[in-house]
N, C-alpha and C. Protein backbone atom coordinates (compact mmCIF):
# COMPACT_ATOMS: atom_id res chain seq x y z
N MET A 1 -3.16 9.62 -9.76
CA MET A 1 -1.94 9.77 -8.97
C MET A 1 -0.82 9.05 -9.71
N GLY A 2 0.25 9.71 -9.87
CA GLY A 2 1.38 9.12 -10.57
C GLY A 2 2.54 8.85 -9.65
N GLU A 3 3.59 8.33 -10.23
CA GLU A 3 4.79 7.99 -9.45
C GLU A 3 5.47 9.23 -8.88
N SER A 4 5.17 10.39 -9.44
CA SER A 4 5.75 11.62 -8.89
C SER A 4 5.13 11.96 -7.53
N VAL A 5 3.95 11.42 -7.25
CA VAL A 5 3.27 11.65 -5.97
C VAL A 5 3.63 10.57 -4.97
N ALA A 6 3.60 9.32 -5.41
CA ALA A 6 3.92 8.17 -4.54
C ALA A 6 4.54 7.08 -5.40
N PRO A 7 5.48 6.31 -4.86
CA PRO A 7 6.08 5.24 -5.64
C PRO A 7 5.04 4.16 -5.98
N ILE A 8 5.24 3.52 -7.13
CA ILE A 8 4.34 2.44 -7.54
C ILE A 8 4.48 1.27 -6.57
N GLU A 9 3.35 0.80 -6.08
CA GLU A 9 3.31 -0.41 -5.25
C GLU A 9 2.00 -1.10 -5.55
N TYR A 10 2.05 -2.42 -5.77
CA TYR A 10 0.85 -3.19 -6.07
C TYR A 10 0.98 -4.53 -5.39
N ASN A 11 -0.06 -4.94 -4.68
CA ASN A 11 -0.04 -6.21 -3.94
C ASN A 11 1.19 -6.31 -3.04
N TYR A 12 1.50 -5.22 -2.38
CA TYR A 12 2.61 -5.15 -1.42
C TYR A 12 3.97 -5.37 -2.07
N MET A 13 4.08 -5.16 -3.38
CA MET A 13 5.35 -5.30 -4.09
C MET A 13 5.74 -3.95 -4.69
N THR A 14 7.03 -3.67 -4.67
CA THR A 14 7.54 -2.45 -5.27
C THR A 14 7.60 -2.58 -6.78
N LYS A 15 7.88 -1.47 -7.45
CA LYS A 15 8.01 -1.47 -8.90
C LYS A 15 9.09 -2.46 -9.35
N ASP A 16 10.23 -2.50 -8.66
CA ASP A 16 11.30 -3.42 -9.02
C ASP A 16 10.89 -4.88 -8.84
N GLU A 17 10.19 -5.17 -7.75
CA GLU A 17 9.74 -6.55 -7.51
C GLU A 17 8.72 -6.98 -8.57
N LEU A 18 7.83 -6.07 -8.95
CA LEU A 18 6.86 -6.37 -10.01
C LEU A 18 7.59 -6.66 -11.32
N PHE A 19 8.57 -5.83 -11.66
CA PHE A 19 9.35 -5.99 -12.88
C PHE A 19 10.05 -7.35 -12.89
N GLN A 20 10.65 -7.74 -11.76
CA GLN A 20 11.35 -9.03 -11.67
C GLN A 20 10.39 -10.21 -11.85
N LYS A 21 9.14 -10.05 -11.47
CA LYS A 21 8.14 -11.11 -11.64
C LYS A 21 7.52 -11.10 -13.04
N GLY A 22 7.91 -10.11 -13.85
CA GLY A 22 7.41 -10.06 -15.22
C GLY A 22 6.07 -9.36 -15.38
N VAL A 23 5.64 -8.62 -14.37
CA VAL A 23 4.38 -7.89 -14.46
C VAL A 23 4.58 -6.65 -15.31
N PRO A 24 3.81 -6.48 -16.40
CA PRO A 24 3.95 -5.28 -17.21
C PRO A 24 3.51 -4.06 -16.41
N LEU A 25 4.43 -3.14 -16.17
CA LEU A 25 4.15 -2.01 -15.30
C LEU A 25 3.07 -1.08 -15.84
N ASP A 26 2.89 -1.04 -17.16
CA ASP A 26 1.85 -0.18 -17.71
C ASP A 26 0.46 -0.73 -17.43
N SER A 27 0.35 -2.00 -17.03
CA SER A 27 -0.95 -2.58 -16.73
C SER A 27 -1.30 -2.53 -15.25
N VAL A 28 -0.36 -2.12 -14.39
CA VAL A 28 -0.59 -2.14 -12.95
C VAL A 28 -1.78 -1.25 -12.58
N GLN A 29 -1.84 -0.03 -13.09
CA GLN A 29 -2.95 0.85 -12.75
C GLN A 29 -4.27 0.32 -13.27
N SER A 30 -4.27 -0.33 -14.43
CA SER A 30 -5.53 -0.85 -14.98
C SER A 30 -6.00 -2.08 -14.20
N MET A 31 -5.14 -2.69 -13.38
CA MET A 31 -5.54 -3.87 -12.59
C MET A 31 -6.25 -3.46 -11.30
N GLU A 32 -6.18 -2.21 -10.92
CA GLU A 32 -6.83 -1.75 -9.70
C GLU A 32 -8.33 -1.63 -9.94
N VAL A 33 -9.10 -2.42 -9.24
CA VAL A 33 -10.56 -2.37 -9.33
C VAL A 33 -11.15 -2.44 -7.93
N PRO A 34 -12.37 -1.95 -7.75
CA PRO A 34 -12.99 -2.04 -6.43
C PRO A 34 -13.20 -3.51 -6.04
N GLY A 35 -13.23 -3.76 -4.77
CA GLY A 35 -13.47 -5.11 -4.30
C GLY A 35 -13.97 -5.10 -2.87
N PHE A 36 -14.24 -6.28 -2.35
CA PHE A 36 -14.72 -6.44 -0.99
C PHE A 36 -13.75 -7.32 -0.23
N SER A 37 -13.54 -6.99 1.03
CA SER A 37 -12.67 -7.75 1.89
C SER A 37 -13.46 -8.05 3.16
N THR A 38 -13.38 -9.27 3.64
CA THR A 38 -14.14 -9.63 4.83
C THR A 38 -13.38 -10.64 5.68
N LEU A 39 -13.72 -10.69 6.94
CA LEU A 39 -13.15 -11.66 7.88
C LEU A 39 -14.25 -12.61 8.32
N LEU A 40 -13.90 -13.87 8.50
CA LEU A 40 -14.84 -14.88 8.97
C LEU A 40 -14.23 -15.55 10.18
N ARG A 41 -14.97 -15.59 11.27
CA ARG A 41 -14.49 -16.24 12.48
C ARG A 41 -15.28 -17.50 12.72
N ASP A 42 -14.59 -18.62 12.89
CA ASP A 42 -15.19 -19.92 13.17
C ASP A 42 -14.49 -20.46 14.41
N GLY A 43 -15.03 -20.18 15.58
CA GLY A 43 -14.35 -20.53 16.81
C GLY A 43 -13.09 -19.70 16.96
N LYS A 44 -11.95 -20.35 17.08
CA LYS A 44 -10.67 -19.63 17.19
C LYS A 44 -10.04 -19.36 15.83
N ARG A 45 -10.58 -19.95 14.79
CA ARG A 45 -10.02 -19.79 13.45
C ARG A 45 -10.59 -18.53 12.79
N ILE A 46 -9.71 -17.69 12.25
CA ILE A 46 -10.12 -16.48 11.53
C ILE A 46 -9.58 -16.55 10.11
N SER A 47 -10.48 -16.33 9.16
CA SER A 47 -10.09 -16.35 7.74
C SER A 47 -10.35 -14.98 7.13
N HIS A 48 -9.48 -14.57 6.23
CA HIS A 48 -9.63 -13.31 5.49
C HIS A 48 -9.85 -13.68 4.03
N THR A 49 -10.86 -13.11 3.44
CA THR A 49 -11.12 -13.37 2.03
C THR A 49 -11.50 -12.07 1.33
N TYR A 50 -11.37 -12.06 0.05
CA TYR A 50 -11.71 -10.86 -0.72
C TYR A 50 -12.08 -11.27 -2.13
N ILE A 51 -12.90 -10.42 -2.76
CA ILE A 51 -13.27 -10.63 -4.17
C ILE A 51 -13.13 -9.33 -4.90
């Protein structure tokens, strides 16, 4: 999927925000890898973690 289908967004940042932070835009797609996300509840405390 390219930018002609949907605008580039990575880690909830737009292409312009990524550019301002110095992220090389050609590497954004190569940074996408599968991962796991989980929630942990300890009483009233809820934590979100991912790998």
